Amino acid sequence: MGYIEQSLGEGERLVARAHFHWWYSFKAWMALIFLFWLLGLGIYIFVVMMVRKWTTEIGVTTHRFVQKEGLFRLNTYEVALHNIEGVRVSQSFWGRIFGFGALRIEGTGVDHVDLPTIADPIGFRAAIETAKSGDDR
C-alpha cells in the first residue's frame, strides 16, 4: 500500500494515478549505456532517475491532488481540488506522438506543482477535471 492509499481520509477515494512513461526509463538506460565510460556518470544518472521513478506517487482523489516523492526523505505536494485554478499540459512533438508530457498544476495559495514526464498527461488532466466536478456536488 502506497502513501496515497495510506493518507486517504474518511469517504475519500483514489480517482486516478499517474505513471511515468516508458520514455523516462529509456532516457535513464541511454544515460547508463552511453555515459558509463565517463567516470561512472551514466551509473549516477541512471540510479538517480530510477530511484525518482520508483519513489514517486502521483494521484488524484475525490478531495485533492497528491504528489509524493522521496526515498529517505518524504516530500509531498497536496492541493485541494477546489483550490486548483488550472492545469497546463506541455507536450513536445515526440510527446504527442508517443503519449507523454508534463503537467503544471496551478492553484490558489500555491505557486504551482510541476509534475515530471508522465504517460497520458491529457487523460490525467481530464481525471483532475472530473474529480473537481464531482467535488462540487
Foldseek 3Di string as FASTA:
>chain_A
DDPVVVPDDVPKDFQDWWAADVVLLVVLVCLCVVCCVVVRRSVVSNVVSVQQRVAWIWTDMLFWTWIWGDDPDIDMDIDTLVFFPDKDWDADPVCVVRAKTKIWTDGPPDHIDIDDITGNPVVRRVSSVVSSVSSVD
